PDB file of N, CA and C in Angstrom:
ATOM      1  N   MET A   1       2.273   3.931  41.806  1.00  0.00           N
ATOM      2  CA  MET A   1       1.340   3.648  41.041  1.00  0.00           C
ATOM      3  C   MET A   1       1.268   3.294  39.719  1.00  0.00           C
ATOM      4  N   MET A   2       0.457   2.533  39.199  1.00  0.00           N
ATOM      5  CA  MET A   2       0.603   2.003  37.874  1.00  0.00           C
ATOM      6  C   MET A   2      -0.303   2.537  36.974  1.00  0.00           C
ATOM      7  N   THR A   3      -0.046   2.944  35.540  1.00  0.00           N
ATOM      8  CA  THR A   3      -0.584   3.617  34.410  1.00  0.00           C
ATOM      9  C   THR A   3      -0.977   2.393  33.468  1.00  0.00           C
ATOM     10  N   LYS A   4      -2.227   2.653  32.954  1.00  0.00           N
ATOM     11  CA  LYS A   4      -2.630   1.724  31.768  1.00  0.00           C
ATOM     12  C   LYS A   4      -2.011   2.517  30.413  1.00  0.00           C
ATOM     13  N   TYR A   5      -1.979   1.566  29.608  1.00  0.00           N
ATOM     14  CA  TYR A   5      -1.561   2.059  28.108  1.00  0.00           C
ATOM     15  C   TYR A   5      -2.016   1.222  27.020  1.00  0.00           C
ATOM     16  N   LEU A   6      -2.463   1.672  26.009  1.00  0.00           N
ATOM     17  CA  LEU A   6      -3.102   1.112  25.009  1.00  0.00           C
ATOM     18  C   LEU A   6      -1.841   1.095  23.989  1.00  0.00           C
ATOM     19  N   VAL A   7      -1.889  -0.237  23.489  1.00  0.00           N
ATOM     20  CA  VAL A   7      -0.700  -0.608  22.541  1.00  0.00           C
ATOM     21  C   VAL A   7      -1.577  -0.919  21.251  1.00  0.00           C
ATOM     22  N   LEU A   8      -0.914  -0.130  20.246  1.00  0.00           N
ATOM     23  CA  LEU A   8      -1.609  -0.139  18.844  1.00  0.00           C
ATOM     24  C   LEU A   8      -0.594  -0.940  17.841  1.00  0.00           C
ATOM     25  N   TYR A   9      -0.865  -1.935  17.184  1.00  0.00           N
ATOM     26  CA  TYR A   9       0.001  -2.705  16.336  1.00  0.00           C
ATOM     27  C   TYR A   9      -0.389  -2.005  14.875  1.00  0.00           C
ATOM     28  N   HIS A  10       0.753  -1.491  14.558  1.00  0.00           N
ATOM     29  CA  HIS A  10       0.693  -0.949  12.953  1.00  0.00           C
ATOM     30  C   HIS A  10       1.570  -1.906  12.144  1.00  0.00           C
ATOM     31  N   ALA A  11       0.770  -2.147  10.864  1.00  0.00           N
ATOM     32  CA  ALA A  11       1.487  -2.736   9.544  1.00  0.00           C
ATOM     33  C   ALA A  11       0.862  -2.232   8.328  1.00  0.00           C
ATOM     34  N   ASP A  12       1.686  -2.406   7.353  1.00  0.00           N
ATOM     35  CA  ASP A  12       1.265  -2.231   6.089  1.00  0.00           C
ATOM     36  C   ASP A  12       0.312  -3.128   5.473  1.00  0.00           C
ATOM     37  N   VAL A  13       0.248  -4.480   6.180  1.00  0.00           N
ATOM     38  CA  VAL A  13      -0.497  -5.244   5.796  1.00  0.00           C
ATOM     39  C   VAL A  13      -1.585  -5.492   6.781  1.00  0.00           C
ATOM     40  N   GLY A  14      -2.855  -5.502   6.420  1.00  0.00           N
ATOM     41  CA  GLY A  14      -4.092  -5.702   7.204  1.00  0.00           C
ATOM     42  C   GLY A  14      -4.011  -6.987   8.035  1.00  0.00           C
ATOM     43  N   ALA A  15      -4.774  -6.956   9.142  1.00  0.00           N
ATOM     44  CA  ALA A  15      -4.857  -8.362  10.207  1.00  0.00           C
ATOM     45  C   ALA A  15      -5.435  -9.335   9.149  1.00  0.00           C
ATOM     46  N   GLU A  16      -6.409  -9.126   8.242  1.00  0.00           N
ATOM     47  CA  GLU A  16      -7.211 -10.122   7.621  1.00  0.00           C
ATOM     48  C   GLU A  16      -6.317 -10.730   6.949  1.00  0.00           C
ATOM     49  N   GLU A  17      -5.436 -10.054   6.049  1.00  0.00           N
ATOM     50  CA  GLU A  17      -4.318 -10.477   5.124  1.00  0.00           C
ATOM     51  C   GLU A  17      -3.374 -11.495   6.015  1.00  0.00           C
ATOM     52  N   GLN A  18      -2.934 -10.844   7.095  1.00  0.00           N
ATOM     53  CA  GLN A  18      -1.778 -11.621   7.918  1.00  0.00           C
ATOM     54  C   GLN A  18      -2.448 -12.858   8.211  1.00  0.00           C
ATOM     55  N   MET A  19      -3.582 -13.090   8.624  1.00  0.00           N
ATOM     56  CA  MET A  19      -4.080 -14.402   9.026  1.00  0.00           C
ATOM     57  C   MET A  19      -4.488 -15.438   7.919  1.00  0.00           C
ATOM     58  N   GLN A  20      -4.282 -14.904   6.700  1.00  0.00           N
ATOM     59  CA  GLN A  20      -4.529 -16.132   5.590  1.00  0.00           C
ATOM     60  C   GLN A  20      -3.234 -16.744   5.528  1.00  0.00           C
ATOM     61  N   GLN A  21      -2.944 -17.578   6.258  1.00  0.00           N
ATOM     62  CA  GLN A  21      -2.008 -18.565   6.155  1.00  0.00           C
ATOM     63  C   GLN A  21      -2.257 -20.123   6.663  1.00  0.00           C
ATOM     64  N   SER A  22      -1.406 -20.945   6.162  1.00  0.00           N
ATOM     65  CA  SER A  22      -1.658 -22.296   6.800  1.00  0.00           C
ATOM     66  C   SER A  22      -1.771 -22.319   7.953  1.00  0.00           C
ATOM     67  N   GLU A  23      -2.492 -23.769   8.461  1.00  0.00           N
ATOM     68  CA  GLU A  23      -2.926 -23.849   9.626  1.00  0.00           C
ATOM     69  C   GLU A  23      -1.535 -23.764  10.745  1.00  0.00           C
ATOM     70  N   ALA A  24      -0.468 -24.488  10.079  1.00  0.00           N
ATOM     71  CA  ALA A  24       0.784 -24.734  10.753  1.00  0.00           C
ATOM     72  C   ALA A  24       1.360 -23.420  10.831  1.00  0.00           C
ATOM     73  N   ASP A  25       1.477 -22.430  10.198  1.00  0.00           N
ATOM     74  CA  ASP A  25       2.025 -21.253  10.106  1.00  0.00           C
ATOM     75  C   ASP A  25       1.167 -20.286  11.201  1.00  0.00           C
ATOM     76  N   ALA A  26      -0.065 -20.450  11.165  1.00  0.00           N
ATOM     77  CA  ALA A  26      -0.816 -19.782  12.032  1.00  0.00           C
ATOM     78  C   ALA A  26      -0.558 -20.251  13.413  1.00  0.00           C
ATOM     79  N   GLN A  27      -0.555 -21.262  13.706  1.00  0.00           N
ATOM     80  CA  GLN A  27      -0.310 -21.804  15.280  1.00  0.00           C
ATOM     81  C   GLN A  27       1.089 -21.483  15.697  1.00  0.00           C
ATOM     82  N   ALA A  28       2.079 -21.627  14.685  1.00  0.00           N
ATOM     83  CA  ALA A  28       3.319 -21.174  15.084  1.00  0.00           C
ATOM     84  C   ALA A  28       3.410 -19.623  15.419  1.00  0.00           C
ATOM     85  N   GLY A  29       2.865 -18.798  14.610  1.00  0.00           N
ATOM     86  CA  GLY A  29       2.788 -17.300  14.687  1.00  0.00           C
ATOM     87  C   GLY A  29       2.107 -16.976  16.123  1.00  0.00           C
ATOM     88  N   MET A  30       0.950 -17.763  16.199  1.00  0.00           N
ATOM     89  CA  MET A  30       0.293 -17.413  17.630  1.00  0.00           C
ATOM     90  C   MET A  30       1.122 -17.845  18.765  1.00  0.00           C
ATOM     91  N   GLN A  31       1.885 -18.860  18.441  1.00  0.00           N
ATOM     92  CA  GLN A  31       2.696 -19.107  19.883  1.00  0.00           C
ATOM     93  C   GLN A  31       3.764 -18.111  20.136  1.00  0.00           C
ATOM     94  N   VAL A  32       4.165 -17.514  19.220  1.00  0.00           N
ATOM     95  CA  VAL A  32       5.297 -16.649  19.580  1.00  0.00           C
ATOM     96  C   VAL A  32       4.555 -15.382  20.302  1.00  0.00           C
ATOM     97  N   TRP A  33       3.396 -15.180  19.953  1.00  0.00           N
ATOM     98  CA  TRP A  33       2.549 -14.090  20.474  1.00  0.00           C
ATOM     99  C   TRP A  33       2.200 -14.569  21.892  1.00  0.00           C
ATOM    100  N   MET A  34       1.759 -15.959  22.357  1.00  0.00           N
ATOM    101  CA  MET A  34       1.623 -16.446  23.561  1.00  0.00           C
ATOM    102  C   MET A  34       2.834 -16.293  24.438  1.00  0.00           C
ATOM    103  N   ASP A  35       4.187 -16.546  23.838  1.00  0.00           N
ATOM    104  CA  ASP A  35       5.141 -16.544  24.502  1.00  0.00           C
ATOM    105  C   ASP A  35       5.539 -15.063  25.131  1.00  0.00           C
ATOM    106  N   TRP A  36       5.228 -14.189  23.919  1.00  0.00           N
ATOM    107  CA  TRP A  36       5.508 -12.738  24.801  1.00  0.00           C
ATOM    108  C   TRP A  36       4.616 -12.376  25.740  1.00  0.00           C
ATOM    109  N   ALA A  37       3.221 -12.796  25.436  1.00  0.00           N
ATOM    110  CA  ALA A  37       2.047 -12.580  26.715  1.00  0.00           C
ATOM    111  C   ALA A  37       2.632 -13.320  27.813  1.00  0.00           C
ATOM    112  N   GLN A  38       3.159 -14.276  27.823  1.00  0.00           N
ATOM    113  CA  GLN A  38       3.548 -15.016  29.079  1.00  0.00           C
ATOM    114  C   GLN A  38       4.891 -14.266  29.716  1.00  0.00           C
ATOM    115  N   GLY A  39       5.449 -13.736  29.011  1.00  0.00           N
ATOM    116  CA  GLY A  39       6.724 -12.873  29.439  1.00  0.00           C
ATOM    117  C   GLY A  39       6.165 -11.493  30.005  1.00  0.00           C
ATOM    118  N   ALA A  40       5.218 -10.939  29.413  1.00  0.00           N
ATOM    119  CA  ALA A  40       4.663  -9.652  29.997  1.00  0.00           C
ATOM    120  C   ALA A  40       4.019  -9.764  31.312  1.00  0.00           C
ATOM    121  N   GLY A  41       3.352 -11.047  31.455  1.00  0.00           N
ATOM    122  CA  GLY A  41       2.799 -11.634  32.736  1.00  0.00           C
ATOM    123  C   GLY A  41       1.475 -10.566  33.043  1.00  0.00           C
ATOM    124  N   ALA A  42       1.542 -10.251  34.312  1.00  0.00           N
ATOM    125  CA  ALA A  42       0.405  -9.422  35.077  1.00  0.00           C
ATOM    126  C   ALA A  42       0.313  -8.156  34.287  1.00  0.00           C
ATOM    127  N   ALA A  43       1.269  -7.673  33.570  1.00  0.00           N
ATOM    128  CA  ALA A  43       1.398  -6.351  33.154  1.00  0.00           C
ATOM    129  C   ALA A  43       0.560  -6.153  31.926  1.00  0.00           C
ATOM    130  N   LEU A  44       0.248  -7.449  31.210  1.00  0.00           N
ATOM    131  CA  LEU A  44      -0.690  -7.503  30.234  1.00  0.00           C
ATOM    132  C   LEU A  44      -2.242  -7.582  30.860  1.00  0.00           C
ATOM    133  N   LEU A  45      -3.041  -6.398  30.780  1.00  0.00           N
ATOM    134  CA  LEU A  45      -4.347  -6.518  31.138  1.00  0.00           C
ATOM    135  C   LEU A  45      -5.070  -7.160  30.204  1.00  0.00           C
ATOM    136  N   ASP A  46      -4.939  -6.888  29.004  1.00  0.00           N
ATOM    137  CA  ASP A  46      -5.884  -7.371  27.762  1.00  0.00           C
ATOM    138  C   ASP A  46      -4.947  -7.670  26.683  1.00  0.00           C
ATOM    139  N   PHE A  47      -5.114  -8.903  26.216  1.00  0.00           N
ATOM    140  CA  PHE A  47      -4.421  -9.456  25.147  1.00  0.00           C
ATOM    141  C   PHE A  47      -4.981  -8.624  23.901  1.00  0.00           C
ATOM    142  N   GLY A  48      -5.938  -8.290  23.724  1.00  0.00           N
ATOM    143  CA  GLY A  48      -6.388  -7.492  22.664  1.00  0.00           C
ATOM    144  C   GLY A  48      -6.915  -8.514  21.435  1.00  0.00           C
ATOM    145  N   THR A  49      -7.136  -7.811  20.512  1.00  0.00           N
ATOM    146  CA  THR A  49      -7.560  -8.749  19.238  1.00  0.00           C
ATOM    147  C   THR A  49      -7.134  -7.819  17.978  1.00  0.00           C
ATOM    148  N   PRO A  50      -7.189  -8.701  16.852  1.00  0.00           N
ATOM    149  CA  PRO A  50      -6.809  -8.012  15.706  1.00  0.00           C
ATOM    150  C   PRO A  50      -7.901  -7.426  15.227  1.00  0.00           C
ATOM    151  N   VAL A  51      -7.804  -6.212  14.563  1.00  0.00           N
ATOM    152  CA  VAL A  51      -9.140  -5.114  14.141  1.00  0.00           C
ATOM    153  C   VAL A  51      -8.954  -5.090  12.432  1.00  0.00           C
ATOM    154  N   GLY A  52     -10.076  -4.646  11.952  1.00  0.00           N
ATOM    155  CA  GLY A  52     -10.143  -4.480  10.556  1.00  0.00           C
ATOM    156  C   GLY A  52     -11.587  -3.691  10.272  1.00  0.00           C
ATOM    157  N   ASN A  53     -11.749  -3.500   9.007  1.00  0.00           N
ATOM    158  CA  ASN A  53     -13.081  -2.843   8.629  1.00  0.00           C
ATOM    159  C   ASN A  53     -13.153  -1.416   9.286  1.00  0.00           C
ATOM    160  N   ALA A  54     -12.311  -0.623   8.923  1.00  0.00           N
ATOM    161  CA  ALA A  54     -12.159   0.448   9.463  1.00  0.00           C
ATOM    162  C   ALA A  54     -13.293   1.523   8.735  1.00  0.00           C
ATOM    163  N   ARG A  55     -13.842   2.433   9.836  1.00  0.00           N
ATOM    164  CA  ARG A  55     -15.086   3.476   9.317  1.00  0.00           C
ATOM    165  C   ARG A  55     -14.380   4.799   9.954  1.00  0.00           C
ATOM    166  N   ARG A  56     -14.337   5.800   9.216  1.00  0.00           N
ATOM    167  CA  ARG A  56     -14.015   7.291   9.772  1.00  0.00           C
ATOM    168  C   ARG A  56     -15.444   7.822   9.843  1.00  0.00           C
ATOM    169  N   VAL A  57     -15.522   8.322  11.148  1.00  0.00           N
ATOM    170  CA  VAL A  57     -16.688   8.983  11.516  1.00  0.00           C
ATOM    171  C   VAL A  57     -16.623  10.528  11.749  1.00  0.00           C
ATOM    172  N   ASP A  58     -17.336  11.383  11.152  1.00  0.00           N
ATOM    173  CA  ASP A  58     -17.228  12.849  11.355  1.00  0.00           C
ATOM    174  C   ASP A  58     -18.783  13.052  11.586  1.00  0.00           C
ATOM    175  N   ALA A  59     -18.949  14.392  11.753  1.00  0.00           N
ATOM    176  CA  ALA A  59     -20.319  14.885  11.889  1.00  0.00           C
ATOM    177  C   ALA A  59     -21.099  14.829  10.791  1.00  0.00           C
ATOM    178  N   ASP A  60     -20.677  14.660   9.775  1.00  0.00           N
ATOM    179  CA  ASP A  60     -21.603  14.307   8.280  1.00  0.00           C
ATOM    180  C   ASP A  60     -21.807  12.821   8.154  1.00  0.00           C
ATOM    181  N   GLY A  61     -21.153  11.805   8.951  1.00  0.00           N
ATOM    182  CA  GLY A  61     -21.550  10.463   8.992  1.00  0.00           C
ATOM    183  C   GLY A  61     -20.380   9.555   9.012  1.00  0.00           C
ATOM    184  N   ALA A  62     -20.281   8.317   8.280  1.00  0.00           N
ATOM    185  CA  ALA A  62     -19.328   7.624   8.568  1.00  0.00           C
ATOM    186  C   ALA A  62     -18.915   6.985   6.923  1.00  0.00           C
ATOM    187  N   ASP A  63     -17.501   6.676   6.720  1.00  0.00           N
ATOM    188  CA  ASP A  63     -17.126   6.146   5.624  1.00  0.00           C
ATOM    189  C   ASP A  63     -15.981   5.191   5.922  1.00  0.00           C
ATOM    190  N   ALA A  64     -15.856   4.238   4.787  1.00  0.00           N
ATOM    191  CA  ALA A  64     -14.738   3.378   4.753  1.00  0.00           C
ATOM    192  C   ALA A  64     -13.440   4.351   5.032  1.00  0.00           C
ATOM    193  N   ALA A  65     -12.467   3.892   5.663  1.00  0.00           N
ATOM    194  CA  ALA A  65     -11.079   4.375   6.046  1.00  0.00           C
ATOM    195  C   ALA A  65     -10.034   3.209   5.797  1.00  0.00           C
ATOM    196  N   THR A  66      -9.059   3.819   5.513  1.00  0.00           N
ATOM    197  CA  THR A  66      -7.680   2.647   5.574  1.00  0.00           C
ATOM    198  C   THR A  66      -6.939   3.410   6.946  1.00  0.00           C
ATOM    199  N   THR A  67      -6.349   2.282   7.321  1.00  0.00           N
ATOM    200  CA  THR A  67      -5.600   2.630   8.589  1.00  0.00           C
ATOM    201  C   THR A  67      -4.376   1.573   8.566  1.00  0.00           C
ATOM    202  N   THR A  68      -3.387   1.771   9.321  1.00  0.00           N
ATOM    203  CA  THR A  68      -2.250   0.781   9.434  1.00  0.00           C
ATOM    204  C   THR A  68      -2.554   0.269  10.760  1.00  0.00           C
ATOM    205  N   VAL A  69      -3.594   0.402  11.664  1.00  0.00           N
ATOM    206  CA  VAL A  69      -3.517  -0.358  12.785  1.00  0.00           C
ATOM    207  C   VAL A  69      -4.445  -1.623  12.386  1.00  0.00           C
ATOM    208  N   GLY A  70      -3.509  -2.547  12.972  1.00  0.00           N
ATOM    209  CA  GLY A  70      -4.051  -4.130  12.897  1.00  0.00           C
ATOM    210  C   GLY A  70      -4.441  -4.763  14.170  1.00  0.00           C
ATOM    211  N   GLY A  71      -4.470  -4.030  15.223  1.00  0.00           N
ATOM    212  CA  GLY A  71      -4.808  -4.695  16.542  1.00  0.00           C
ATOM    213  C   GLY A  71      -4.443  -3.857  17.745  1.00  0.00           C
ATOM    214  N   TYR A  72      -4.797  -4.168  18.808  1.00  0.00           N
ATOM    215  CA  TYR A  72      -4.543  -3.685  20.053  1.00  0.00           C
ATOM    216  C   TYR A  72      -4.461  -4.582  21.153  1.00  0.00           C
ATOM    217  N   SER A  73      -3.763  -4.010  22.335  1.00  0.00           N
ATOM    218  CA  SER A  73      -3.627  -4.803  23.401  1.00  0.00           C
ATOM    219  C   SER A  73      -3.575  -3.660  24.655  1.00  0.00           C
ATOM    220  N   LEU A  74      -3.727  -4.065  25.731  1.00  0.00           N
ATOM    221  CA  LEU A  74      -3.749  -3.070  26.941  1.00  0.00           C
ATOM    222  C   LEU A  74      -2.524  -3.499  27.940  1.00  0.00           C
ATOM    223  N   VAL A  75      -1.784  -2.796  28.329  1.00  0.00           N
ATOM    224  CA  VAL A  75      -0.976  -3.112  29.377  1.00  0.00           C
ATOM    225  C   VAL A  75      -0.924  -1.956  30.512  1.00  0.00           C
ATOM    226  N   GLU A  76      -0.048  -2.476  31.743  1.00  0.00           N
ATOM    227  CA  GLU A  76      -0.085  -1.573  32.817  1.00  0.00           C
ATOM    228  C   GLU A  76       1.436  -1.541  33.128  1.00  0.00           C
ATOM    229  N   ALA A  77       2.039  -0.226  33.297  1.00  0.00           N
ATOM    230  CA  ALA A  77       3.276  -0.239  33.812  1.00  0.00           C
ATOM    231  C   ALA A  77       3.662   0.986  34.695  1.00  0.00           C
ATOM    232  N   ALA A  78       4.594   1.196  35.475  1.00  0.00           N
ATOM    233  CA  ALA A  78       4.960   2.236  35.950  1.00  0.00           C
ATOM    234  C   ALA A  78       5.348   3.635  35.492  1.00  0.00           C
ATOM    235  N   ASP A  79       5.600   3.521  34.239  1.00  0.00           N
ATOM    236  CA  ASP A  79       5.673   4.735  33.247  1.00  0.00           C
ATOM    237  C   ASP A  79       5.904   4.485  31.917  1.00  0.00           C
ATOM    238  N   ALA A  80       5.825   5.391  31.034  1.00  0.00           N
ATOM    239  CA  ALA A  80       5.799   5.009  29.384  1.00  0.00           C
ATOM    240  C   ALA A  80       7.027   4.283  29.043  1.00  0.00           C
ATOM    241  N   ASP A  81       8.218   4.520  29.643  1.00  0.00           N
ATOM    242  CA  ASP A  81       9.340   3.683  29.459  1.00  0.00           C
ATOM    243  C   ASP A  81       9.281   2.486  29.756  1.00  0.00           C
ATOM    244  N   ALA A  82       8.741   2.039  31.007  1.00  0.00           N
ATOM    245  CA  ALA A  82       8.424   0.775  31.298  1.00  0.00           C
ATOM    246  C   ALA A  82       7.390   0.013  30.333  1.00  0.00           C
ATOM    247  N   ALA A  83       6.356   0.640  29.931  1.00  0.00           N
ATOM    248  CA  ALA A  83       5.424   0.149  29.161  1.00  0.00           C
ATOM    249  C   ALA A  83       6.224  -0.363  27.533  1.00  0.00           C
ATOM    250  N   ALA A  84       7.005   0.776  27.256  1.00  0.00           N
ATOM    251  CA  ALA A  84       7.823   0.596  25.968  1.00  0.00           C
ATOM    252  C   ALA A  84       8.590  -0.572  26.094  1.00  0.00           C
ATOM    253  N   ALA A  85       9.282  -0.652  27.196  1.00  0.00           N
ATOM    254  CA  ALA A  85      10.226  -1.824  27.439  1.00  0.00           C
ATOM    255  C   ALA A  85       9.510  -3.441  27.624  1.00  0.00           C
ATOM    256  N   LEU A  86       8.213  -3.300  27.949  1.00  0.00           N
ATOM    257  CA  LEU A  86       7.477  -4.465  27.572  1.00  0.00           C
ATOM    258  C   LEU A  86       7.305  -5.075  26.019  1.00  0.00           C
ATOM    259  N   MET A  87       7.576  -4.195  25.162  1.00  0.00           N
ATOM    260  CA  MET A  87       7.475  -4.485  23.869  1.00  0.00           C
ATOM    261  C   MET A  87       8.656  -5.085  23.242  1.00  0.00           C
ATOM    262  N   LYS A  88       9.720  -5.019  24.054  1.00  0.00           N
ATOM    263  CA  LYS A  88      11.115  -5.664  23.599  1.00  0.00           C
ATOM    264  C   LYS A  88      10.803  -7.121  23.216  1.00  0.00           C
ATOM    265  N   GLY A  89      11.374  -7.442  21.920  1.00  0.00           N
ATOM    266  CA  GLY A  89      11.111  -8.643  21.334  1.00  0.00           C
ATOM    267  C   GLY A  89       9.831  -9.016  20.957  1.00  0.00           C
ATOM    268  N   HIS A  90       8.892  -8.172  20.988  1.00  0.00           N
ATOM    269  CA  HIS A  90       7.427  -8.461  20.469  1.00  0.00           C
ATOM    270  C   HIS A  90       7.507  -9.042  18.982  1.00  0.00           C
ATOM    271  N   PRO A  91       6.627 -10.073  18.888  1.00  0.00           N
ATOM    272  CA  PRO A  91       6.690 -10.673  17.526  1.00  0.00           C
ATOM    273  C   PRO A  91       6.047  -9.706  16.532  1.00  0.00           C
ATOM    274  N   HIS A  92       5.393  -8.686  16.601  1.00  0.00           N
ATOM    275  CA  HIS A  92       4.811  -7.889  15.792  1.00  0.00           C
ATOM    276  C   HIS A  92       5.966  -6.983  15.239  1.00  0.00           C
ATOM    277  N   LEU A  93       6.778  -6.967  15.862  1.00  0.00           N
ATOM    278  CA  LEU A  93       8.025  -5.989  15.491  1.00  0.00           C
ATOM    279  C   LEU A  93       8.626  -6.574  14.251  1.00  0.00           C
ATOM    280  N   ARG A  94       8.550  -7.803  13.731  1.00  0.00           N
ATOM    281  CA  ARG A  94       9.003  -8.677  12.604  1.00  0.00           C
ATOM    282  C   ARG A  94       8.138  -8.108  11.542  1.00  0.00           C
ATOM    283  N   ILE A  95       7.017  -7.494  11.497  1.00  0.00           N
ATOM    284  CA  ILE A  95       6.108  -6.965  10.378  1.00  0.00           C
ATOM    285  C   ILE A  95       5.797  -5.545  10.325  1.00  0.00           C
ATOM    286  N   GLY A  96       5.988  -5.029  11.563  1.00  0.00           N
ATOM    287  CA  GLY A  96       5.524  -3.484  11.603  1.00  0.00           C
ATOM    288  C   GLY A  96       5.993  -2.715  12.969  1.00  0.00           C
ATOM    289  N   THR A  97       5.393  -1.831  13.165  1.00  0.00           N
ATOM    290  CA  THR A  97       5.564  -0.981  14.393  1.00  0.00           C
ATOM    291  C   THR A  97       4.610  -1.034  15.477  1.00  0.00           C
ATOM    292  N   ILE A  98       4.905  -0.688  16.628  1.00  0.00           N
ATOM    293  CA  ILE A  98       4.153  -0.530  17.961  1.00  0.00           C
ATOM    294  C   ILE A  98       4.172   0.751  18.411  1.00  0.00           C
ATOM    295  N   GLU A  99       2.921   1.295  18.588  1.00  0.00           N
ATOM    296  CA  GLU A  99       2.615   2.576  19.427  1.00  0.00           C
ATOM    297  C   GLU A  99       2.030   2.164  20.709  1.00  0.00           C
ATOM    298  N   VAL A 100       2.719   3.036  21.891  1.00  0.00           N
ATOM    299  CA  VAL A 100       2.277   2.856  22.989  1.00  0.00           C
ATOM    300  C   VAL A 100       1.540   4.081  23.698  1.00  0.00           C
ATOM    301  N   LEU A 101       0.465   4.178  24.087  1.00  0.00           N
ATOM    302  CA  LEU A 101      -0.290   5.468  24.204  1.00  0.00           C
ATOM    303  C   LEU A 101      -0.751   5.264  25.695  1.00  0.00           C
ATOM    304  N   GLU A 102      -0.391   6.504  26.505  1.00  0.00           N
ATOM    305  CA  GLU A 102      -0.623   6.671  27.814  1.00  0.00           C
ATOM    306  C   GLU A 102      -2.130   6.603  27.973  1.00  0.00           C
ATOM    307  N   SER A 103      -3.080   6.031  29.127  1.00  0.00           N
ATOM    308  CA  SER A 103      -4.195   6.466  29.364  1.00  0.00           C
ATOM    309  C   SER A 103      -4.184   7.365  30.432  1.00  0.00           C
ATOM    310  N   ILE A 104      -5.013   8.659  30.227  1.00  0.00           N
ATOM    311  CA  ILE A 104      -4.727   9.799  31.037  1.00  0.00           C
ATOM    312  C   ILE A 104      -6.113   9.648  31.954  1.00  0.00           C
ATOM    313  N   ASP A 105      -5.954   9.707  33.241  1.00  0.00           N
ATOM    314  CA  ASP A 105      -7.143   9.599  34.051  1.00  0.00           C
ATOM    315  C   ASP A 105      -7.942  10.949  34.113  1.00  0.00           C
ATOM    316  N   LEU A 106      -8.991  10.854  33.844  1.00  0.00           N
ATOM    317  CA  LEU A 106     -10.040  12.072  34.088  1.00  0.00           C
ATOM    318  C   LEU A 106     -10.258  12.512  35.604  1.00  0.00           C
ATOM    319  N   PRO A 107     -10.221  13.509  35.797  1.00  0.00           N
ATOM    320  CA  PRO A 107     -10.530  14.187  37.145  1.00  0.00           C
ATOM    321  C   PRO A 107     -12.116  13.844  37.364  1.00  0.00           C
ATOM    322  N   GLY A 108     -12.368  13.055  38.480  1.00  0.00           N
ATOM    323  CA  GLY A 108     -13.606  12.936  39.191  1.00  0.00           C
ATOM    324  C   GLY A 108     -14.197  11.631  38.510  1.00  0.00           C
ATOM    325  N   MET A 109     -13.579  10.768  37.685  1.00  0.00           N
ATOM    326  CA  MET A 109     -13.852   9.568  37.034  1.00  0.00           C
ATOM    327  C   MET A 109     -13.269   8.337  37.811  1.00  0.00           C
TER     328      MET A 109
END
């Protein structure tokens, strides 16, 4: 049985800032991500997107927040070790870290 995992990309530089580069550098950067995605194959359920403009929400409302999360992906693997192994050689590791979180099935859902 395969399990879904949420992949969070952490970096000290936000996604908006990372994307402010020349067109040639942006294309080269995107190509290494596409190469990783091709290597991940069917295990990559959702390539995801960069994220920004964080808001922290609590019972009193919402306020601007800071976060190191710059994007996400969704993968599927047999276990947590296999999900983590999919991140080997990931281009994001050049600038930050990757967190892999197991999706837990809810009973009756």
